[in-house]
Amino acid sequence: MSLRTKSFWIFDLDGTLTLPVHDFEYIRRELDIPAIADILGYLDSLPEAEACWRHTRLQEIEIQLAYEAQPSPGAIDAIAKLHQSGAQLGVLTRNDRDIALLTLETIGMGHYFAAENVLGRNEALPKPDPAGIFHLLSEWRAQPSEAVMVGDYLFDLQAGRAAGTTTVHVGRPDGKTWQEFSDYAVATLNELSSQLI
């Protein structure tokens, strides 16, 4: 089925709508997190006293990155086309919601996304859990078959697949792909935008 028939679109933020800027190795060093650990999962496993300063430092890093964010190639055009078509638009990120909203404003896309349709790690269980997708679909009264999850990382695609949506993988600088979780793959959102005409 063509992507043009889909009316409900959920996007990852960092590395999908924005150029990838997170240096996860640096963040792990700053927060004293083991090199291979999932950052959010590791923080959730710590006692509150040990996690507190790490959450504060993570917030500081993410705020700085939000002010430095730049839109990825084709992102503004793709979002504008979907908005003009009447599609519902949402963001599902492992970031903090307020920082996600700041990032969207920084890259000139804030007016395309209703604040309640931007879910961060405190509004839904982090991806790859599909809870955030199900929340948005429920709010939109939409079926998974009507929706698309777009992202650049495995967790985005796993969440979309678990929710039953169409999944679109956006190319990454490191070239990693997850074909088993991707219904479509595009090099950039420029390529996605060309499929929405």
C-alpha atoms as a PDB file:
ATOM      1  CA  MET A   1       0.000   0.000   0.000  1.00  0.00           C
ATOM      2  CA  SER A   2       1.325   3.445  -0.896  1.00  0.00           C
ATOM      3  CA  LEU A   3       2.564   5.704   1.862  1.00  0.00           C
ATOM      4  CA  ARG A   4       0.335   8.397   0.346  1.00  0.00           C
ATOM      5  CA  THR A   5      -2.719   6.585   1.696  1.00  0.00           C
ATOM      6  CA  LYS A   6      -1.528   6.894   5.319  1.00  0.00           C
ATOM      7  CA  SER A   7      -3.081   9.631   7.437  1.00  0.00           C
ATOM      8  CA  PHE A   8      -1.289   9.221  10.777  1.00  0.00           C
ATOM      9  CA  TRP A   9       2.448   9.789  10.995  1.00  0.00           C
ATOM     10  CA  ILE A  10       4.714   9.384  14.014  1.00  0.00           C
ATOM     11  CA  PHE A  11       8.338  10.507  13.812  1.00  0.00           C
ATOM     12  CA  ASP A  12      11.397   9.905  15.895  1.00  0.00           C
ATOM     13  CA  LEU A  13      13.166  13.194  16.589  1.00  0.00           C
ATOM     14  CA  ASP A  14      16.955  12.962  16.974  1.00  0.00           C
ATOM     15  CA  GLY A  15      18.610  11.689  13.809  1.00  0.00           C
ATOM     16  CA  THR A  16      15.288  11.557  11.969  1.00  0.00           C
ATOM     17  CA  LEU A  17      13.779  15.052  11.951  1.00  0.00           C
ATOM     18  CA  THR A  18      17.134  16.493  13.046  1.00  0.00           C
ATOM     19  CA  LEU A  19      20.690  15.875  12.000  1.00  0.00           C
ATOM     20  CA  PRO A  20      22.222  13.362  14.415  1.00  0.00           C
ATOM     21  CA  VAL A  21      24.233  15.228  17.052  1.00  0.00           C
ATOM     22  CA  HIS A  22      24.054  13.021  20.144  1.00  0.00           C
ATOM     23  CA  ASP A  23      27.466  11.648  21.098  1.00  0.00           C
ATOM     24  CA  PHE A  24      26.269   8.706  23.136  1.00  0.00           C
ATOM     25  CA  GLU A  25      29.794   7.640  24.119  1.00  0.00           C
ATOM     26  CA  TYR A  26      30.382  11.114  25.585  1.00  0.00           C
ATOM     27  CA  ILE A  27      27.022  11.020  27.393  1.00  0.00           C
ATOM     28  CA  ARG A  28      27.835   7.615  28.905  1.00  0.00           C
ATOM     29  CA  ARG A  29      31.217   8.912  30.098  1.00  0.00           C
ATOM     30  CA  GLU A  30      29.643  12.062  31.552  1.00  0.00           C
ATOM     31  CA  LEU A  31      27.011  10.029  33.405  1.00  0.00           C
ATOM     32  CA  ASP A  32      29.378   7.206  34.418  1.00  0.00           C
ATOM     33  CA  ILE A  33      27.364   4.612  32.505  1.00  0.00           C
ATOM     34  CA  PRO A  34      28.927   1.407  31.103  1.00  0.00           C
ATOM     35  CA  ALA A  35      29.894   1.662  27.443  1.00  0.00           C
ATOM     36  CA  ILE A  36      27.341  -0.805  26.052  1.00  0.00           C
ATOM     37  CA  ALA A  37      24.430   0.002  28.372  1.00  0.00           C
ATOM     38  CA  ASP A  38      21.179   1.577  27.205  1.00  0.00           C
ATOM     39  CA  ILE A  39      21.299   5.009  28.858  1.00  0.00           C
ATOM     40  CA  LEU A  40      17.665   5.241  29.959  1.00  0.00           C
ATOM     41  CA  GLY A  41      17.473   1.601  30.974  1.00  0.00           C
ATOM     42  CA  TYR A  42      20.615   1.947  33.074  1.00  0.00           C
ATOM     43  CA  LEU A  43      19.345   5.106  34.804  1.00  0.00           C
ATOM     44  CA  ASP A  44      16.041   3.378  35.586  1.00  0.00           C
ATOM     45  CA  SER A  45      17.950   0.503  37.231  1.00  0.00           C
ATOM     46  CA  LEU A  46      19.758   2.778  39.704  1.00  0.00           C
ATOM     47  CA  PRO A  47      18.604   3.782  43.177  1.00  0.00           C
ATOM     48  CA  GLU A  48      17.051   7.252  43.131  1.00  0.00           C
ATOM     49  CA  ALA A  49      19.984   8.889  44.923  1.00  0.00           C
ATOM     50  CA  GLU A  50      22.459   7.552  42.352  1.00  0.00           C
ATOM     51  CA  ALA A  51      20.248   8.375  39.369  1.00  0.00           C
ATOM     52  CA  CYS A  52      19.372  11.945  40.407  1.00  0.00           C
ATOM     53  CA  TRP A  53      22.581  13.756  39.413  1.00  0.00           C
ATOM     54  CA  ARG A  54      22.796  11.732  36.209  1.00  0.00           C
ATOM     55  CA  HIS A  55      19.274  12.781  35.176  1.00  0.00           C
ATOM     56  CA  THR A  56      20.164  16.409  35.902  1.00  0.00           C
ATOM     57  CA  ARG A  57      23.349  16.224  33.822  1.00  0.00           C
ATOM     58  CA  LEU A  58      21.526  14.425  30.988  1.00  0.00           C
ATOM     59  CA  GLN A  59      18.954  17.238  30.964  1.00  0.00           C
ATOM     60  CA  GLU A  60      21.730  19.850  30.710  1.00  0.00           C
ATOM     61  CA  ILE A  61      23.344  18.032  27.781  1.00  0.00           C
ATOM     62  CA  GLU A  62      20.031  17.609  25.963  1.00  0.00           C
ATOM     63  CA  ILE A  63      19.058  21.283  26.392  1.00  0.00           C
ATOM     64  CA  GLN A  64      22.362  22.371  24.830  1.00  0.00           C
ATOM     65  CA  LEU A  65      21.823  19.945  21.927  1.00  0.00           C
ATOM     66  CA  ALA A  66      18.273  21.274  21.429  1.00  0.00           C
ATOM     67  CA  TYR A  67      19.592  24.795  20.879  1.00  0.00           C
ATOM     68  CA  GLU A  68      22.131  23.466  18.363  1.00  0.00           C
ATOM     69  CA  ALA A  69      19.657  21.262  16.445  1.00  0.00           C
ATOM     70  CA  GLN A  70      19.361  21.474  12.668  1.00  0.00           C
ATOM     71  CA  PRO A  71      16.679  19.882  10.484  1.00  0.00           C
ATOM     72  CA  SER A  72      17.680  16.803   8.542  1.00  0.00           C
ATOM     73  CA  PRO A  73      17.635  16.983   4.724  1.00  0.00           C
ATOM     74  CA  GLY A  74      14.041  17.021   3.473  1.00  0.00           C
ATOM     75  CA  ALA A  75      12.479  17.067   6.949  1.00  0.00           C
ATOM     76  CA  ILE A  76      10.755  20.433   6.667  1.00  0.00           C
ATOM     77  CA  ASP A  77       9.441  19.665   3.183  1.00  0.00           C
ATOM     78  CA  ALA A  78       8.134  16.224   4.167  1.00  0.00           C
ATOM     79  CA  ILE A  79       6.405  17.522   7.303  1.00  0.00           C
ATOM     80  CA  ALA A  80       4.919  20.470   5.401  1.00  0.00           C
ATOM     81  CA  LYS A  81       3.492  18.151   2.728  1.00  0.00           C
ATOM     82  CA  LEU A  82       1.972  15.841   5.307  1.00  0.00           C
ATOM     83  CA  HIS A  83       0.507  18.792   7.211  1.00  0.00           C
ATOM     84  CA  GLN A  84      -0.987  20.241   4.025  1.00  0.00           C
ATOM     85  CA  SER A  85      -2.537  16.860   3.218  1.00  0.00           C
ATOM     86  CA  GLY A  86      -4.370  16.889   6.557  1.00  0.00           C
ATOM     87  CA  ALA A  87      -2.321  14.098   8.131  1.00  0.00           C
ATOM     88  CA  GLN A  88      -2.088  13.866  11.906  1.00  0.00           C
ATOM     89  CA  LEU A  89       1.525  14.334  13.015  1.00  0.00           C
ATOM     90  CA  GLY A  90       3.210  13.129  16.179  1.00  0.00           C
ATOM     91  CA  VAL A  91       6.678  12.761  17.665  1.00  0.00           C
ATOM     92  CA  LEU A  92       7.759   9.847  19.837  1.00  0.00           C
ATOM     93  CA  THR A  93      11.194  10.361  21.359  1.00  0.00           C
ATOM     94  CA  ARG A  94      13.314   8.943  24.153  1.00  0.00           C
ATOM     95  CA  ASN A  95      14.176  12.563  24.915  1.00  0.00           C
ATOM     96  CA  ASP A  96      12.427  14.771  27.478  1.00  0.00           C
ATOM     97  CA  ARG A  97       9.157  16.218  26.109  1.00  0.00           C
ATOM     98  CA  ASP A  98       9.985  19.865  26.901  1.00  0.00           C
ATOM     99  CA  ILE A  99      13.356  19.468  25.218  1.00  0.00           C
ATOM    100  CA  ALA A 100      11.672  17.837  22.224  1.00  0.00           C
ATOM    101  CA  LEU A 101       9.321  20.816  21.930  1.00  0.00           C
ATOM    102  CA  LEU A 102      12.309  23.175  22.168  1.00  0.00           C
ATOM    103  CA  THR A 103      14.105  21.181  19.469  1.00  0.00           C
ATOM    104  CA  LEU A 104      11.076  21.380  17.154  1.00  0.00           C
ATOM    105  CA  GLU A 105      10.964  25.161  17.623  1.00  0.00           C
ATOM    106  CA  THR A 106      14.713  25.435  16.976  1.00  0.00           C
ATOM    107  CA  ILE A 107      14.428  23.589  13.647  1.00  0.00           C
ATOM    108  CA  GLY A 108      11.341  25.536  12.551  1.00  0.00           C
ATOM    109  CA  MET A 109       8.786  22.743  12.879  1.00  0.00           C
ATOM    110  CA  GLY A 110       7.063  23.559  16.143  1.00  0.00           C
ATOM    111  CA  HIS A 111       3.909  24.844  14.472  1.00  0.00           C
ATOM    112  CA  TYR A 112       3.341  21.510  12.721  1.00  0.00           C
ATOM    113  CA  PHE A 113       3.039  19.470  15.938  1.00  0.00           C
ATOM    114  CA  ALA A 114       0.418  19.918  18.644  1.00  0.00           C
ATOM    115  CA  ALA A 115       2.168  19.738  22.026  1.00  0.00           C
ATOM    116  CA  GLU A 116      -0.057  16.853  23.137  1.00  0.00           C
ATOM    117  CA  ASN A 117       1.146  14.857  20.122  1.00  0.00           C
ATOM    118  CA  VAL A 118       4.786  15.081  21.221  1.00  0.00           C
ATOM    119  CA  LEU A 119       5.584  12.265  23.643  1.00  0.00           C
ATOM    120  CA  GLY A 120       8.842  11.940  25.525  1.00  0.00           C
ATOM    121  CA  ARG A 121      10.243   9.427  27.957  1.00  0.00           C
ATOM    122  CA  ASN A 122       8.022  10.685  30.774  1.00  0.00           C
ATOM    123  CA  GLU A 123       4.747  10.450  28.817  1.00  0.00           C
ATOM    124  CA  ALA A 124       5.194   6.873  27.585  1.00  0.00           C
ATOM    125  CA  LEU A 125       7.505   3.950  28.136  1.00  0.00           C
ATOM    126  CA  PRO A 126      10.583   4.530  25.968  1.00  0.00           C
ATOM    127  CA  LYS A 127      10.889   2.854  22.581  1.00  0.00           C
ATOM    128  CA  PRO A 128      11.173  -0.003  21.658  1.00  0.00           C
ATOM    129  CA  ASP A 129       8.055  -0.301  23.797  1.00  0.00           C
ATOM    130  CA  PRO A 130       5.082   0.580  21.539  1.00  0.00           C
ATOM    131  CA  ALA A 131       3.089   2.289  24.337  1.00  0.00           C
ATOM    132  CA  GLY A 132       3.647   5.778  22.927  1.00  0.00           C
ATOM    133  CA  ILE A 133       2.390   4.748  19.502  1.00  0.00           C
ATOM    134  CA  PHE A 134      -0.699   3.154  20.999  1.00  0.00           C
ATOM    135  CA  HIS A 135      -1.328   6.317  23.037  1.00  0.00           C
ATOM    136  CA  LEU A 136      -1.222   8.546  19.950  1.00  0.00           C
ATOM    137  CA  LEU A 137      -3.372   6.175  17.899  1.00  0.00           C
ATOM    138  CA  SER A 138      -5.933   6.092  20.692  1.00  0.00           C
ATOM    139  CA  GLU A 139      -6.025   9.895  20.868  1.00  0.00           C
ATOM    140  CA  TRP A 140      -6.427  10.064  17.083  1.00  0.00           C
ATOM    141  CA  ARG A 141      -8.975   7.206  17.019  1.00  0.00           C
ATOM    142  CA  ALA A 142      -6.782   5.581  14.394  1.00  0.00           C
ATOM    143  CA  GLN A 143      -5.941   1.985  13.565  1.00  0.00           C
ATOM    144  CA  PRO A 144      -2.316   0.821  13.336  1.00  0.00           C
ATOM    145  CA  SER A 145      -2.869  -0.037   9.665  1.00  0.00           C
ATOM    146  CA  GLU A 146      -3.524   3.670   8.986  1.00  0.00           C
ATOM    147  CA  ALA A 147      -0.290   4.809  10.633  1.00  0.00           C
ATOM    148  CA  VAL A 148       3.425   5.081   9.918  1.00  0.00           C
ATOM    149  CA  MET A 149       6.364   5.110  12.335  1.00  0.00           C
ATOM    150  CA  VAL A 150       9.440   6.834  10.892  1.00  0.00           C
ATOM    151  CA  GLY A 151      12.857   6.580  12.496  1.00  0.00           C
ATOM    152  CA  ASP A 152      16.566   6.087  12.038  1.00  0.00           C
ATOM    153  CA  TYR A 153      17.215   3.511  14.754  1.00  0.00           C
ATOM    154  CA  LEU A 154      16.291  -0.053  15.615  1.00  0.00           C
ATOM    155  CA  PHE A 155      14.115   0.961  18.595  1.00  0.00           C
ATOM    156  CA  ASP A 156      11.917   3.148  16.360  1.00  0.00           C
ATOM    157  CA  LEU A 157      11.327   0.307  13.940  1.00  0.00           C
ATOM    158  CA  GLN A 158      10.761  -2.286  16.666  1.00  0.00           C
ATOM    159  CA  ALA A 159       8.182  -0.025  18.320  1.00  0.00           C
ATOM    160  CA  GLY A 160       6.368   0.488  15.021  1.00  0.00           C
ATOM    161  CA  ARG A 161       6.401  -3.193  14.194  1.00  0.00           C
ATOM    162  CA  ALA A 162       5.147  -4.139  17.673  1.00  0.00           C
ATOM    163  CA  ALA A 163       2.306  -1.619  17.308  1.00  0.00           C
ATOM    164  CA  GLY A 164       1.344  -2.926  13.867  1.00  0.00           C
ATOM    165  CA  THR A 165       2.119   0.276  11.939  1.00  0.00           C
ATOM    166  CA  THR A 166       3.995   0.645   8.682  1.00  0.00           C
ATOM    167  CA  THR A 167       7.671   1.346   9.418  1.00  0.00           C
ATOM    168  CA  VAL A 168      10.028   3.616   7.495  1.00  0.00           C
ATOM    169  CA  HIS A 169      13.752   3.486   8.163  1.00  0.00           C
ATOM    170  CA  VAL A 170      15.686   6.696   7.503  1.00  0.00           C
ATOM    171  CA  GLY A 171      19.348   6.276   6.562  1.00  0.00           C
ATOM    172  CA  ARG A 172      22.071   6.798   9.146  1.00  0.00           C
ATOM    173  CA  PRO A 173      25.646   8.088   8.832  1.00  0.00           C
ATOM    174  CA  ASP A 174      26.940   4.706  10.029  1.00  0.00           C
ATOM    175  CA  GLY A 175      24.973   2.879   7.335  1.00  0.00           C
ATOM    176  CA  LYS A 176      23.234   0.486   9.741  1.00  0.00           C
ATOM    177  CA  THR A 177      19.936  -0.972   8.558  1.00  0.00           C
ATOM    178  CA  TRP A 178      17.336  -3.259  10.071  1.00  0.00           C
ATOM    179  CA  GLN A 179      15.534  -4.678   7.053  1.00  0.00           C
ATOM    180  CA  GLU A 180      13.572  -7.209   9.101  1.00  0.00           C
ATOM    181  CA  PHE A 181      11.796  -4.348  10.895  1.00  0.00           C
ATOM    182  CA  SER A 182      11.511  -1.951   7.926  1.00  0.00           C
ATOM    183  CA  ASP A 183       8.639  -1.863   5.453  1.00  0.00           C
ATOM    184  CA  TYR A 184      10.289   1.013   3.593  1.00  0.00           C
ATOM    185  CA  ALA A 185      13.806   2.437   3.651  1.00  0.00           C
ATOM    186  CA  VAL A 186      14.824   5.910   2.490  1.00  0.00           C
ATOM    187  CA  ALA A 187      18.264   7.489   2.418  1.00  0.00           C
ATOM    188  CA  THR A 188      16.915  10.819   3.694  1.00  0.00           C
ATOM    189  CA  LEU A 189      13.571  12.508   4.268  1.00  0.00           C
ATOM    190  CA  ASN A 190      14.095  14.133   0.864  1.00  0.00           C
ATOM    191  CA  GLU A 191      13.439  10.696  -0.589  1.00  0.00           C
ATOM    192  CA  LEU A 192      10.387  10.243   1.612  1.00  0.00           C
ATOM    193  CA  SER A 193       9.114  13.660   0.591  1.00  0.00           C
ATOM    194  CA  SER A 194       9.294  12.685  -3.101  1.00  0.00           C
ATOM    195  CA  GLN A 195       7.035   9.702  -2.367  1.00  0.00           C
ATOM    196  CA  LEU A 196       4.383  11.965  -0.828  1.00  0.00           C
ATOM    197  CA  ILE A 197       3.697  14.024  -3.965  1.00  0.00           C
END
